[in-house]
Amino acid sequence: MPIKVLMPALSPTMTEGKLAKWLKKEGEAIKSGEAIAEIETDKATMEVEAVDEGMLGKILVAAGTEGVKVNEPIALILEEGEGASALAGAATAPPKPAAPTPPPAAAKPAAAPAAAMATAPAATPVPPPAVIAAASSGRTFASPLAKRMAEQAGLDLSHLVGSGPQGRIIKVDIEAALAGKGPVAARPGLAPATAPAAAVVAGPTPHRLVPHSTMRKVIARRLTEAKQQIPHFYLTIDCEIDALLKGRAALNAQAPEKGEGAYKLSVNDFVIKAAAAALRKVPAANAAWSDEGTIMYDRADISVAVAIPGGLITPIVFDAGNKGLIQISAEMKGLAQRAKDNKLKPEEFQGGTFSVSNLGMYGIKDFAAVINPPQGCILAVGAGEQRPVVRNGQLAVATVMSCTLSVDHRAVDGAVGAEFLAAFKKLIEEPLGMLL
């Protein structure tokens, strides 16, 4: 019997993905462990390896198909001795769920005013009985999260049909309404709600529509949730980095140019090391919120934001506090290159306890980054630039770098965030302290 190749779950958060490319054609031989397809997940494009040997008998999901559910059959492999006739009895795809049966239609009124009939929208979805009952009683049944999301989006809950228990409006109903796909309840005296379009192109301006990749969709969803559900607050501090730049130049000058042992330290390497060392000094900042309690991490795994085509990914320098600058530099170079080549393994970008986002190389003076859930903090690093400073009552010039800490106030308080930045500033301005 043909072997089904199922859509794999390549990360704990993956529920669906895009089948980007088939690496094998129908009729080709397949060996165990051989890559047969490329799957675009919410983080990267990864290869899928065959676990069985045989011949690729039939491709069930075409290359380029988006929204393929985890564990859905994507291909059939014929075992040795099996022919094409064996494919006839194999399931080609899981059956789609049947459409829900609409509730029995209410008795048709004897007559309706002509004006009302003229203005009534065509094919208005019929809300379930529970929703109609709620409407008649004047109450709107919705979860607390749905109410908060609707309030932030300026959405009138009284217009929506809930898909939760007994017609309760839940999160997915709000998301569907904002995307223009949610059912709208036809209630007496109320016009159907019209959700604003996510992207409206008006006028004769030439344009093109770029389809969203899976990564871009997930980034949009996660960042929206982060700003809606995480109470951010921001702390900014200025760090003088002249001593750091001098030490960096001295270390790079004595490094071999080629071969084993060659290295070239960047300012970002010092930032990663200083952030990890500061978390060791202020462990209360190395925390994350959960409904069960505050998660206090025992080591500093630093996620570093890396821009890649079509999105952003955060590879991790694990246990950065116990690694030297040269090791951190080598790891970051490898991680950044694999990220840009879409070759990162899931364990290289999943997790992390604290994030760093550096836009200094683009000349950005300062900015506030969005927290990377479920982490509690992210440090935004700006460019080092010469600025006037006051020393002992006298004006002087120093190279100053502004750093802004975005903090989840549920997990980390303001005083703790301030303590972390003070420790970070001292390490940046006196880099020899990182060796202690």
Protein backbone atom coordinates (compact mmCIF):
# COMPACT_ATOMS: atom_id res chain seq x y z
CA MET A 1 0.00 0.00 0.00
CA PRO A 2 1.39 3.45 -0.86
CA ILE A 3 3.01 5.37 2.00
CA LYS A 4 1.54 8.78 2.76
CA VAL A 5 3.95 11.69 3.14
CA LEU A 6 2.39 14.08 5.64
CA MET A 7 2.90 17.82 6.05
CA PRO A 8 5.40 17.96 8.93
CA ALA A 9 5.25 20.22 11.97
CA LEU A 10 8.65 21.89 11.74
CA SER A 11 8.18 24.08 14.82
CA PRO A 12 6.04 23.90 17.97
CA THR A 13 3.93 26.86 16.80
CA MET A 14 3.39 25.62 13.24
CA THR A 15 -0.18 24.68 12.32
CA GLU A 16 0.12 25.18 8.57
CA GLY A 17 2.75 26.10 6.02
CA LYS A 18 3.48 26.68 2.38
CA LEU A 19 4.75 23.88 0.17
CA ALA A 20 7.34 26.03 -1.56
CA LYS A 21 9.02 23.55 -3.89
CA TRP A 22 9.24 19.89 -4.79
CA LEU A 23 12.80 18.60 -5.10
CA LYS A 24 11.66 15.29 -6.61
CA LYS A 25 9.36 14.54 -9.54
CA GLU A 26 6.72 11.85 -9.85
CA GLY A 27 8.37 8.58 -10.87
CA GLU A 28 11.76 9.39 -9.31
CA ALA A 29 13.38 7.06 -6.80
CA ILE A 30 13.61 8.24 -3.20
CA LYS A 31 16.05 7.15 -0.53
CA SER A 32 15.49 7.41 3.21
CA GLY A 33 16.86 10.70 4.53
CA GLU A 34 16.83 12.34 1.10
CA ALA A 35 15.31 15.83 0.80
CA ILE A 36 12.13 15.71 -1.28
CA ALA A 37 10.51 19.13 -0.75
CA GLU A 38 10.98 22.60 0.71
CA ILE A 39 8.45 23.86 3.23
CA GLU A 40 8.08 27.53 4.13
CA THR A 41 7.25 27.80 7.82
CA ASP A 42 6.50 30.81 9.97
CA LYS A 43 10.25 31.32 10.42
CA ALA A 44 12.22 29.96 7.50
CA THR A 45 12.26 27.69 4.46
CA MET A 46 13.28 24.17 5.44
CA GLU A 47 13.83 20.88 3.63
CA VAL A 48 11.65 17.84 4.29
CA GLU A 49 13.44 14.49 4.29
CA ALA A 50 11.87 11.19 3.32
CA VAL A 51 11.69 8.59 6.06
CA ASP A 52 10.92 5.71 3.68
CA GLU A 53 12.44 4.40 0.47
CA GLY A 54 10.55 3.89 -2.76
CA MET A 55 9.33 5.90 -5.71
CA LEU A 56 7.44 9.18 -5.63
CA GLY A 57 4.16 7.86 -7.00
CA LYS A 58 1.93 10.93 -6.80
CA ILE A 59 2.21 14.55 -5.66
CA LEU A 60 -1.00 15.52 -3.87
CA VAL A 61 -0.18 19.16 -3.09
CA ALA A 62 1.31 21.29 -5.84
CA ALA A 63 4.38 23.48 -5.31
CA GLY A 64 3.46 26.99 -4.22
CA THR A 65 0.35 25.90 -2.29
CA GLU A 66 -0.20 27.96 0.86
CA GLY A 67 -2.08 27.08 4.02
CA VAL A 68 -1.31 23.34 3.94
CA LYS A 69 -2.35 21.96 7.34
CA VAL A 70 0.06 19.96 9.46
CA ASN A 71 -0.42 16.18 9.02
CA GLU A 72 -2.26 16.64 5.71
CA PRO A 73 -1.05 14.15 3.02
CA ILE A 74 1.12 15.90 0.46
CA ALA A 75 2.42 12.94 -1.56
CA LEU A 76 2.33 9.15 -1.95
CA ILE A 77 5.40 6.91 -2.08
CA LEU A 78 5.19 3.56 -3.82
CA GLU A 79 7.09 0.74 -2.14
CA GLU A 80 9.19 -1.77 -4.02
CA GLY A 81 7.02 -3.94 -6.24
CA GLU A 82 4.05 -1.57 -6.25
CA GLY A 83 2.76 -0.10 -9.49
CA ALA A 84 0.69 2.91 -10.42
CA SER A 85 -2.48 0.84 -9.96
CA ALA A 86 -1.87 0.90 -6.20
CA LEU A 87 -2.47 4.64 -6.16
CA ALA A 88 -6.11 4.25 -7.14
CA GLY A 89 -7.18 3.02 -3.73
CA ALA A 90 -5.05 5.43 -1.74
CA ALA A 91 -6.59 8.50 -0.17
CA THR A 92 -5.47 11.56 -2.05
CA ALA A 93 -6.38 14.13 0.54
CA PRO A 94 -8.33 14.32 3.79
CA PRO A 95 -12.02 15.03 3.27
CA LYS A 96 -13.01 18.61 3.83
CA PRO A 97 -15.42 19.16 6.70
CA ALA A 98 -19.00 19.46 5.59
CA ALA A 99 -20.53 22.87 5.70
CA PRO A 100 -22.57 23.41 8.89
CA THR A 101 -26.28 22.89 8.44
CA PRO A 102 -28.07 26.23 8.70
CA PRO A 103 -30.73 26.52 11.40
CA PRO A 104 -34.34 26.09 10.31
CA ALA A 105 -35.67 29.23 8.69
CA ALA A 106 -38.15 31.20 10.72
CA ALA A 107 -41.68 31.53 9.43
CA LYS A 108 -41.80 34.07 6.64
CA PRO A 109 -43.60 37.29 7.64
CA ALA A 110 -46.91 37.89 5.97
CA ALA A 111 -45.69 41.08 4.39
CA ALA A 112 -42.65 43.31 4.42
CA PRO A 113 -42.51 47.03 3.68
CA ALA A 114 -41.32 47.71 0.14
CA ALA A 115 -38.67 50.14 1.37
CA ALA A 116 -37.27 47.58 3.79
CA MET A 117 -37.09 44.99 1.05
CA ALA A 118 -35.29 47.37 -1.25
CA THR A 119 -32.61 48.22 1.29
CA ALA A 120 -32.10 44.73 2.72
CA PRO A 121 -28.66 43.33 1.80
CA ALA A 122 -28.63 40.28 -0.43
CA ALA A 123 -27.82 36.87 1.06
CA THR A 124 -27.42 38.12 4.62
CA PRO A 125 -26.03 35.26 6.75
CA VAL A 126 -28.59 33.91 9.21
CA PRO A 127 -27.27 34.07 12.77
CA PRO A 128 -27.78 31.03 14.99
CA PRO A 129 -30.75 31.06 17.38
CA ALA A 130 -28.55 31.82 20.40
CA VAL A 131 -27.30 34.99 18.76
CA ILE A 132 -30.80 36.13 17.82
CA ALA A 133 -31.92 35.57 21.38
CA ALA A 134 -28.99 37.60 22.65
CA ALA A 135 -29.87 40.40 20.29
CA SER A 136 -33.46 40.49 21.41
CA SER A 137 -32.42 40.70 25.04
CA GLY A 138 -30.08 43.63 24.33
CA ARG A 139 -26.98 41.79 25.55
CA THR A 140 -23.87 40.91 23.57
CA PHE A 141 -22.10 37.73 24.63
CA ALA A 142 -18.34 37.92 24.04
CA SER A 143 -15.14 36.75 25.68
CA PRO A 144 -13.06 39.39 27.54
CA LEU A 145 -10.31 39.14 24.91
CA ALA A 146 -12.81 39.60 22.07
CA LYS A 147 -14.28 42.67 23.80
CA ARG A 148 -10.82 44.19 24.27
CA MET A 149 -9.80 43.52 20.66
CA ALA A 150 -13.07 44.98 19.38
CA GLU A 151 -12.67 48.08 21.52
CA GLN A 152 -9.11 48.66 20.28
CA ALA A 153 -10.21 48.19 16.66
CA GLY A 154 -13.33 50.34 17.01
CA LEU A 155 -15.55 47.38 16.08
CA ASP A 156 -19.21 47.20 17.16
CA LEU A 157 -19.77 43.77 18.71
CA SER A 158 -23.54 44.08 18.30
CA HIS A 159 -23.10 43.53 14.56
CA LEU A 160 -21.21 40.24 14.79
CA VAL A 161 -22.28 36.62 14.87
CA GLY A 162 -20.30 34.55 17.36
CA SER A 163 -18.93 31.11 16.60
CA GLY A 164 -18.25 30.18 20.22
CA PRO A 165 -20.47 28.19 22.58
CA GLN A 166 -24.08 29.43 22.46
CA GLY A 167 -23.17 32.12 19.95
CA ARG A 168 -20.47 33.69 22.12
CA ILE A 169 -18.16 36.05 20.19
CA ILE A 170 -14.56 34.92 20.50
CA LYS A 171 -11.14 36.01 19.24
CA VAL A 172 -11.39 34.32 15.84
CA ASP A 173 -14.66 36.15 15.14
CA ILE A 174 -12.97 39.52 15.71
CA GLU A 175 -10.02 38.54 13.49
CA ALA A 176 -12.39 37.39 10.76
CA ALA A 177 -14.43 40.60 10.96
CA LEU A 178 -11.31 42.75 10.71
CA ALA A 179 -10.25 40.74 7.67
CA GLY A 180 -13.65 41.30 6.09
CA LYS A 181 -14.55 37.60 6.28
CA GLY A 182 -16.65 37.39 9.42
CA PRO A 183 -20.43 36.81 9.39
CA VAL A 184 -22.48 39.88 10.25
CA ALA A 185 -25.70 39.61 12.17
CA ALA A 186 -28.76 41.20 10.60
CA ARG A 187 -30.43 42.82 13.57
CA PRO A 188 -33.42 45.13 13.64
CA GLY A 189 -32.44 48.75 13.14
CA LEU A 190 -28.77 48.00 12.51
CA ALA A 191 -26.93 48.05 9.20
CA PRO A 192 -24.42 45.25 8.66
CA ALA A 193 -20.98 46.12 9.95
CA THR A 194 -18.35 46.75 7.32
CA ALA A 195 -14.81 46.09 8.45
CA PRO A 196 -12.19 48.41 6.95
CA ALA A 197 -10.14 46.77 4.22
CA ALA A 198 -6.63 45.84 5.29
CA ALA A 199 -5.12 47.45 2.21
CA VAL A 200 -7.07 49.69 -0.13
CA VAL A 201 -5.45 50.97 -3.30
CA ALA A 202 -7.33 54.01 -4.55
CA GLY A 203 -6.85 56.19 -7.57
CA PRO A 204 -4.97 55.66 -10.81
CA THR A 205 -1.51 55.26 -9.21
CA PRO A 206 0.34 52.33 -10.83
CA HIS A 207 0.88 49.58 -8.31
CA ARG A 208 1.41 45.87 -7.83
CA LEU A 209 0.18 43.51 -5.13
CA VAL A 210 2.87 41.38 -3.49
CA PRO A 211 1.34 38.24 -1.93
CA HIS A 212 2.14 37.74 1.76
CA SER A 213 4.60 34.99 2.55
CA THR A 214 3.91 32.69 5.49
CA MET A 215 6.65 34.46 7.43
CA ARG A 216 5.16 37.90 6.77
CA LYS A 217 1.71 36.73 7.89
CA VAL A 218 3.09 35.31 11.12
CA ILE A 219 5.17 38.44 11.79
CA ALA A 220 2.07 40.59 11.32
CA ARG A 221 -0.02 38.40 13.63
CA ARG A 222 2.59 38.09 16.38
CA LEU A 223 3.49 41.78 16.43
CA THR A 224 -0.18 42.79 16.47
CA GLU A 225 -0.77 40.46 19.40
CA ALA A 226 2.35 41.78 21.14
CA LYS A 227 1.22 45.42 20.92
CA GLN A 228 -2.38 44.58 21.84
CA GLN A 229 -1.76 42.18 24.70
CA ILE A 230 1.61 43.16 26.20
CA PRO A 231 1.74 46.38 28.27
CA HIS A 232 4.97 47.89 26.91
CA PHE A 233 6.94 50.58 28.65
CA TYR A 234 10.23 52.04 27.49
CA LEU A 235 13.49 53.10 29.16
CA THR A 236 16.30 54.87 27.30
CA ILE A 237 19.92 55.36 28.35
CA ASP A 238 22.96 56.89 26.63
CA CYS A 239 26.24 54.96 26.70
CA GLU A 240 29.66 56.42 25.89
CA ILE A 241 31.50 53.84 23.78
CA ASP A 242 34.92 55.43 23.17
CA ALA A 243 36.65 52.91 25.46
CA LEU A 244 34.78 50.07 23.79
CA LEU A 245 35.79 51.24 20.31
CA LYS A 246 39.41 51.60 21.39
CA GLY A 247 39.45 48.09 22.91
CA ARG A 248 37.71 46.63 19.85
CA ALA A 249 40.24 48.19 17.50
CA ALA A 250 43.14 46.84 19.60
CA LEU A 251 41.69 43.30 19.66
CA ASN A 252 40.97 43.30 15.93
CA ALA A 253 44.46 44.61 15.15
CA GLN A 254 46.11 41.61 16.81
CA ALA A 255 43.78 39.03 15.22
CA PRO A 256 45.04 36.79 12.37
CA GLU A 257 43.65 37.99 9.06
CA LYS A 258 43.04 34.51 7.64
CA GLY A 259 42.93 30.90 8.68
CA GLU A 260 42.09 29.32 11.98
CA GLY A 261 41.73 31.80 14.81
CA ALA A 262 40.86 34.75 12.54
CA TYR A 263 38.14 37.05 13.87
CA LYS A 264 36.75 40.54 13.54
CA LEU A 265 34.73 41.78 16.49
CA SER A 266 31.76 44.09 15.93
CA VAL A 267 30.11 46.52 18.32
CA ASN A 268 27.10 44.19 18.29
CA ASP A 269 29.25 41.38 19.70
CA PHE A 270 30.05 43.60 22.69
CA VAL A 271 26.34 44.50 23.04
CA ILE A 272 25.33 40.82 23.15
CA LYS A 273 27.99 40.03 25.73
CA ALA A 274 27.12 43.09 27.83
CA ALA A 275 23.39 42.29 27.74
CA ALA A 276 24.04 38.73 28.92
CA ALA A 277 26.43 39.91 31.65
CA ALA A 278 23.93 42.54 32.81
CA LEU A 279 21.21 39.88 33.04
CA ARG A 280 23.52 37.90 35.29
CA LYS A 281 23.88 40.94 37.55
CA VAL A 282 20.14 41.71 37.44
CA PRO A 283 18.47 38.28 37.03
CA ALA A 284 15.01 39.72 37.71
CA ALA A 285 15.14 41.26 34.21
CA ASN A 286 15.66 37.82 32.64
CA ALA A 287 11.98 36.97 32.97
CA ALA A 288 8.80 36.29 31.02
CA TRP A 289 5.10 36.39 31.85
CA SER A 290 2.79 33.39 31.86
CA ASP A 291 -0.72 32.94 33.25
CA GLU A 292 0.60 30.40 35.77
CA GLY A 293 3.41 32.61 37.06
CA THR A 294 6.50 34.63 36.15
CA ILE A 295 9.16 32.56 34.39
CA MET A 296 12.63 33.33 35.78
CA TYR A 297 15.36 32.10 33.44
CA ASP A 298 18.57 30.64 34.85
CA ARG A 299 20.79 31.64 31.92
CA ALA A 300 20.88 34.36 29.26
CA ASP A 301 20.01 33.07 25.79
CA ILE A 302 20.18 36.20 23.63
CA SER A 303 17.96 36.37 20.53
CA VAL A 304 19.44 38.72 17.94
CA ALA A 305 17.21 40.28 15.28
CA VAL A 306 18.48 39.60 11.75
CA ALA A 307 16.81 41.10 8.67
CA ILE A 308 16.29 38.60 5.85
CA PRO A 309 14.44 38.90 2.54
CA GLY A 310 10.73 39.12 3.28
CA GLY A 311 10.95 39.36 7.05
CA LEU A 312 12.87 39.12 10.28
CA ILE A 313 14.24 36.22 12.31
CA THR A 314 15.94 36.04 15.70
CA PRO A 315 18.69 33.40 15.90
CA ILE A 316 19.93 32.73 19.41
CA VAL A 317 23.32 32.91 21.07
CA PHE A 318 22.77 30.39 23.85
CA ASP A 319 24.31 31.00 27.28
CA ALA A 320 26.00 34.15 25.98
CA GLY A 321 27.10 35.15 29.47
CA ASN A 322 29.52 32.22 29.62
CA LYS A 323 30.99 32.77 26.15
CA GLY A 324 33.85 35.01 25.13
CA LEU A 325 33.62 37.78 22.55
CA ILE A 326 35.43 35.76 19.87
CA GLN A 327 33.04 32.81 20.28
CA ILE A 328 30.01 35.10 20.23
CA SER A 329 31.33 36.80 17.09
CA ALA A 330 31.90 33.49 15.29
CA GLU A 331 28.48 32.15 16.24
CA MET A 332 26.70 35.33 15.13
CA LYS A 333 28.42 35.34 11.74
CA GLY A 334 27.35 31.74 11.15
CA LEU A 335 23.80 32.28 12.41
CA ALA A 336 23.31 35.46 10.36
CA GLN A 337 24.53 33.78 7.18
CA ARG A 338 22.35 30.69 7.67
CA ALA A 339 19.38 32.95 8.42
CA LYS A 340 19.83 34.82 5.14
CA ASP A 341 20.19 31.49 3.31
CA ASN A 342 17.06 30.09 5.04
CA LYS A 343 19.18 27.29 6.49
CA LEU A 344 18.60 27.79 10.22
CA LYS A 345 17.51 24.76 12.20
CA PRO A 346 14.42 25.20 14.42
CA GLU A 347 16.48 24.86 17.59
CA GLU A 348 18.65 27.79 16.46
CA PHE A 349 15.83 30.34 16.49
CA GLN A 350 13.17 28.93 18.83
CA GLY A 351 13.34 30.06 22.44
CA GLY A 352 15.62 32.75 23.79
CA THR A 353 15.15 34.72 27.00
CA PHE A 354 16.02 38.27 25.90
CA SER A 355 16.26 40.01 22.51
CA VAL A 356 18.63 42.56 20.96
CA SER A 357 17.76 44.60 17.88
CA ASN A 358 20.53 46.80 16.47
CA LEU A 359 19.83 49.38 13.75
CA GLY A 360 22.96 51.41 14.41
CA MET A 361 24.54 50.29 11.12
CA TYR A 362 21.74 52.17 9.33
CA GLY A 363 22.47 55.41 11.17
CA ILE A 364 19.33 55.21 13.36
CA LYS A 365 19.90 57.30 16.48
CA ASP A 366 17.29 55.59 18.68
CA PHE A 367 14.09 53.58 18.38
CA ALA A 368 11.70 51.46 20.43
CA ALA A 369 11.40 47.79 19.44
CA VAL A 370 8.32 45.60 19.82
CA ILE A 371 8.71 42.83 22.41
CA ASN A 372 9.27 39.35 20.97
CA PRO A 373 6.74 37.19 22.86
CA PRO A 374 6.90 35.31 25.12
CA GLN A 375 10.07 37.15 26.19
CA GLY A 376 9.82 40.01 28.65
CA CYS A 377 12.37 42.49 27.22
CA ILE A 378 14.03 43.62 24.01
CA LEU A 379 16.94 46.07 23.76
CA ALA A 380 16.95 48.48 20.80
CA VAL A 381 20.45 49.73 19.97
CA GLY A 382 21.10 52.91 17.99
CA ALA A 383 24.15 54.25 16.18
CA GLY A 384 27.23 55.48 17.98
CA GLU A 385 27.73 59.15 17.11
CA GLN A 386 29.79 62.02 18.44
CA ARG A 387 27.80 64.25 20.79
CA PRO A 388 28.61 67.00 23.27
CA VAL A 389 28.80 65.78 26.87
CA VAL A 390 29.51 67.53 30.15
CA ARG A 391 32.43 66.30 32.28
CA ASN A 392 33.33 68.00 35.51
CA GLY A 393 31.39 71.08 34.42
CA GLN A 394 33.21 71.26 31.08
CA LEU A 395 31.93 70.50 27.60
CA ALA A 396 33.59 67.60 25.82
CA VAL A 397 32.92 65.36 22.83
CA ALA A 398 32.21 61.65 23.19
CA THR A 399 30.91 58.83 21.01
CA VAL A 400 27.46 58.12 22.42
CA MET A 401 25.12 55.21 21.69
CA SER A 402 21.44 55.42 22.73
CA CYS A 403 19.80 52.19 23.87
CA THR A 404 16.07 51.75 24.57
CA LEU A 405 14.71 48.84 26.59
CA SER A 406 11.13 47.76 25.78
CA VAL A 407 9.71 45.97 28.81
CA ASP A 408 6.66 43.81 29.52
CA HIS A 409 5.36 45.48 32.67
CA ARG A 410 3.60 42.26 33.75
CA ALA A 411 6.92 40.45 34.20
CA VAL A 412 9.47 43.21 34.82
CA ASP A 413 8.92 46.37 36.85
CA GLY A 414 10.32 49.80 36.03
CA ALA A 415 12.94 49.72 38.78
CA VAL A 416 14.23 46.34 37.56
CA GLY A 417 14.45 47.62 33.99
CA ALA A 418 16.38 50.66 35.23
CA GLU A 419 18.79 48.46 37.19
CA PHE A 420 19.44 46.35 34.11
CA LEU A 421 20.19 49.41 31.95
CA ALA A 422 22.51 50.82 34.63
CA ALA A 423 24.44 47.51 34.70
CA PHE A 424 24.49 47.38 30.89
CA LYS A 425 25.76 50.97 30.63
CA LYS A 426 28.60 50.30 33.06
CA LEU A 427 29.70 47.22 31.10
CA ILE A 428 29.58 49.05 27.77
CA GLU A 429 31.50 52.05 29.08
CA GLU A 430 34.01 49.86 30.97
CA PRO A 431 34.26 46.78 28.71
CA LEU A 432 36.95 45.12 30.81
CA GLY A 433 34.15 44.44 33.30
CA MET A 434 32.72 41.88 30.86
CA LEU A 435 35.71 39.66 31.61
CA LEU A 436 34.89 39.46 35.31
